[in-house]
Amino acid sequence: MILILSGGAHKDSMNKKLAQHVEKICHQLNAPAEFIDISTYDLPLLDPSNKSAQTPPKNLLELREKFERANGFYISTPEYNGGITPLLSNLLNSVFNFVYFPKNTMAPIINKPALVGSASPSIYGALQACMTLKSQLSHMDAIICPHAVSLSQANDMFDNEGNLSNAEAEKRLMQGVNVLVKLSNMVF
């Protein structure tokens, strides 16, 4: 199963549309996939100094289980000040942390393939977000797919059904998702 996430918080987020489009492509390729809207998970801000935290919040346990069951990941995020969104950063830092998960902290992501993407209205924002996310996931020992899906000036790239209307962007996305699906089917 490929777990699909978006760091976009608002309901009309281009990155949510991009992530949901990836889910459709996975289904077309007969690859099991699940999009989750992380903005619906009420996760507290991770505080590693809170040593009294004995049990992870229920939402966090649910998310970690989804990562554990996944064979690969597609993660799309808007660019915020040269990085990823606070929503996505808190999720990754919470799901893979030593406070709640002192043993096997990174186990659910190690050696699993990850494809990153970003849709941005600016010229360089999507590229910067992809580079930052690739760096973070690489540090976490995920296998980074070589195709990042960086959609600059993406305001008008989606039709009313949420599909990409830009043929070149669709071609690059298909290439990336194909690699992700193939890597997800391999045993590492």
Protein backbone atom coordinates (compact mmCIF):
# COMPACT_ATOMS: atom_id res chain seq x y z
CA MET A 1 0.00 0.00 0.00
CA ILE A 2 1.23 3.49 -0.85
CA LEU A 3 0.47 6.12 1.78
CA ILE A 4 -0.28 9.51 0.26
CA LEU A 5 -0.03 12.71 2.31
CA SER A 6 -0.26 16.43 1.71
CA GLY A 7 1.16 19.16 3.90
CA GLY A 8 -1.49 21.57 2.60
CA ALA A 9 -3.95 22.59 5.30
CA HIS A 10 -6.76 24.43 3.51
CA LYS A 11 -9.52 22.64 1.63
CA ASP A 12 -8.59 24.06 -1.80
CA SER A 13 -4.89 23.30 -1.43
CA MET A 14 -3.17 22.59 -4.76
CA ASN A 15 -1.02 20.08 -2.90
CA LYS A 16 -4.08 18.18 -1.66
CA LYS A 17 -5.32 18.10 -5.25
CA LEU A 18 -1.93 16.84 -6.38
CA ALA A 19 -1.88 14.14 -3.69
CA GLN A 20 -5.42 13.03 -4.51
CA HIS A 21 -4.48 12.89 -8.19
CA VAL A 22 -1.55 10.62 -7.30
CA GLU A 23 -4.01 8.34 -5.49
CA LYS A 24 -6.08 8.11 -8.70
CA ILE A 25 -2.96 7.26 -10.71
CA CYS A 26 -2.00 4.54 -8.23
CA HIS A 27 -5.45 3.01 -8.57
CA GLN A 28 -5.15 3.15 -12.38
CA LEU A 29 -1.89 1.23 -12.01
CA ASN A 30 -3.65 -1.31 -9.75
CA ALA A 31 -1.48 -0.22 -6.84
CA PRO A 32 -3.26 -0.01 -3.48
CA ALA A 33 -3.05 3.54 -2.18
CA GLU A 34 -4.58 5.63 0.57
CA PHE A 35 -4.71 9.43 0.74
CA ILE A 36 -4.99 10.82 4.23
CA ASP A 37 -5.75 14.43 4.99
CA ILE A 38 -3.31 15.17 7.79
CA SER A 39 -5.04 18.46 8.56
CA THR A 40 -7.88 16.41 10.06
CA TYR A 41 -5.57 14.83 12.66
CA ASP A 42 -5.45 16.81 15.88
CA LEU A 43 -1.82 16.34 16.88
CA PRO A 44 -0.32 18.44 19.65
CA LEU A 45 2.92 20.25 18.95
CA LEU A 46 5.72 17.83 19.70
CA ASP A 47 7.55 18.75 22.90
CA PRO A 48 10.54 16.43 23.42
CA SER A 49 11.12 17.93 26.88
CA ASN A 50 7.77 16.54 28.06
CA LYS A 51 9.17 13.46 29.74
CA SER A 52 5.84 12.80 31.47
CA ALA A 53 4.25 11.80 28.16
CA GLN A 54 3.86 8.07 28.63
CA THR A 55 1.36 7.19 25.93
CA PRO A 56 1.18 8.61 22.42
CA PRO A 57 -2.10 10.33 21.47
CA LYS A 58 -4.57 8.02 19.69
CA ASN A 59 -4.30 9.97 16.41
CA LEU A 60 -0.53 9.62 16.48
CA LEU A 61 -0.72 5.86 17.01
CA GLU A 62 -3.15 5.61 14.08
CA LEU A 63 -0.80 7.58 11.81
CA ARG A 64 2.22 5.55 12.85
CA GLU A 65 0.34 2.33 12.07
CA LYS A 66 -0.46 3.68 8.60
CA PHE A 67 3.26 4.35 8.03
CA GLU A 68 4.12 0.87 9.32
CA ARG A 69 1.67 -0.80 6.90
CA ALA A 70 2.77 1.26 3.91
CA ASN A 71 5.27 -0.05 1.35
CA GLY A 72 5.97 3.45 0.04
CA PHE A 73 4.97 7.09 0.34
CA TYR A 74 3.97 10.05 -1.76
CA ILE A 75 4.23 13.33 0.13
CA SER A 76 3.29 16.69 -1.34
CA THR A 77 3.79 19.99 0.44
CA PRO A 78 3.53 23.70 -0.18
CA GLU A 79 6.68 25.72 0.39
CA TYR A 80 6.66 27.82 3.56
CA ASN A 81 9.62 30.18 3.94
CA GLY A 82 11.95 27.87 2.07
CA GLY A 83 10.81 24.71 3.84
CA ILE A 84 7.84 22.44 4.38
CA THR A 85 4.65 23.37 6.20
CA PRO A 86 4.51 23.34 10.00
CA LEU A 87 1.64 20.85 9.73
CA LEU A 88 3.78 18.32 7.83
CA SER A 89 6.88 19.01 9.90
CA ASN A 90 5.01 18.36 13.15
CA LEU A 91 3.50 15.17 11.72
CA LEU A 92 6.87 13.76 10.63
CA ASN A 93 8.54 14.83 13.86
CA SER A 94 5.74 13.31 15.95
CA VAL A 95 5.36 10.00 14.10
CA PHE A 96 9.13 9.44 14.10
CA ASN A 97 10.33 10.62 17.50
CA PHE A 98 12.08 9.25 20.53
CA VAL A 99 9.58 10.66 23.06
CA TYR A 100 6.81 8.16 22.24
CA PHE A 101 8.79 5.61 20.24
CA PRO A 102 12.22 5.21 21.89
CA LYS A 103 12.84 1.85 20.21
CA ASN A 104 12.73 1.65 16.41
CA THR A 105 12.00 5.35 16.11
CA MET A 106 12.46 5.43 12.32
CA ALA A 107 11.48 1.80 11.59
CA PRO A 108 8.23 2.58 9.70
CA ILE A 109 10.09 4.61 7.05
CA ILE A 110 13.58 3.09 6.84
CA ASN A 111 14.30 1.60 3.39
CA LYS A 112 10.85 2.44 2.06
CA PRO A 113 10.56 4.49 -1.14
CA ALA A 114 9.27 8.04 -1.02
CA LEU A 115 8.27 10.28 -3.90
CA VAL A 116 7.98 13.97 -3.09
CA GLY A 117 5.98 16.67 -4.79
CA SER A 118 4.93 20.26 -4.50
CA ALA A 119 2.56 22.59 -6.30
CA SER A 120 3.17 26.30 -5.90
CA PRO A 121 1.90 29.52 -7.47
CA SER A 122 5.48 30.88 -7.47
CA ILE A 123 8.32 30.06 -9.84
CA TYR A 124 10.74 28.50 -7.34
CA GLY A 125 8.63 27.59 -4.30
CA ALA A 126 7.75 24.08 -5.42
CA LEU A 127 11.37 23.25 -6.19
CA GLN A 128 12.54 24.53 -2.79
CA ALA A 129 9.85 22.54 -0.94
CA CYS A 130 10.83 19.34 -2.82
CA MET A 131 14.51 19.80 -2.02
CA THR A 132 13.80 20.38 1.67
CA LEU A 133 11.44 17.41 1.93
CA LYS A 134 13.88 15.12 0.07
CA SER A 135 16.62 16.11 2.47
CA GLN A 136 14.49 15.42 5.55
CA LEU A 137 13.23 12.04 4.28
CA SER A 138 16.75 11.03 3.24
CA HIS A 139 17.95 11.84 6.76
CA MET A 140 15.20 9.51 8.02
CA ASP A 141 16.61 6.73 5.78
CA ALA A 142 13.76 6.59 3.27
CA ILE A 143 14.69 5.66 -0.30
CA ILE A 144 14.14 8.83 -2.31
CA CYS A 145 12.62 8.34 -5.75
CA PRO A 146 14.61 10.24 -8.38
CA HIS A 147 11.56 11.98 -9.86
CA ALA A 148 10.30 14.87 -7.75
CA VAL A 149 7.06 16.41 -8.97
CA SER A 150 7.67 20.15 -8.76
CA LEU A 151 4.79 22.17 -10.22
CA SER A 152 5.68 25.85 -10.40
CA GLN A 153 3.02 28.42 -11.30
CA ALA A 154 0.45 25.71 -10.63
CA ASN A 155 -2.61 27.92 -10.09
CA ASP A 156 -4.24 26.84 -13.35
CA MET A 157 -2.87 23.29 -13.70
CA PHE A 158 -5.93 21.51 -12.27
CA ASP A 159 -9.36 21.11 -13.85
CA ASN A 160 -12.66 21.19 -11.93
CA GLU A 161 -12.35 17.45 -11.08
CA GLY A 162 -8.87 17.93 -9.56
CA ASN A 163 -7.01 16.34 -12.48
CA LEU A 164 -3.87 17.85 -13.92
CA SER A 165 -4.67 19.72 -17.11
CA ASN A 166 -1.01 20.28 -18.02
CA ALA A 167 0.20 17.42 -20.25
CA GLU A 168 3.91 17.83 -19.42
CA ALA A 169 3.21 17.89 -15.68
CA GLU A 170 1.01 14.79 -16.03
CA LYS A 171 3.78 12.98 -17.93
CA ARG A 172 6.37 13.77 -15.21
CA LEU A 173 3.93 12.77 -12.49
CA MET A 174 3.18 9.44 -14.20
CA GLN A 175 6.91 8.72 -14.49
CA GLY A 176 7.42 9.42 -10.81
CA VAL A 177 4.44 7.39 -9.64
CA ASN A 178 5.47 4.46 -11.86
CA VAL A 179 8.90 4.41 -10.21
CA LEU A 180 7.31 4.67 -6.75
CA VAL A 181 4.96 1.77 -7.46
CA LYS A 182 7.79 -0.41 -8.80
CA LEU A 183 10.03 0.36 -5.82
CA SER A 184 7.14 -0.22 -3.41
CA ASN A 185 6.73 -3.74 -4.81
CA MET A 186 10.38 -4.61 -4.17
CA VAL A 187 11.66 -6.07 -0.93
CA PHE A 188 14.52 -4.19 0.73
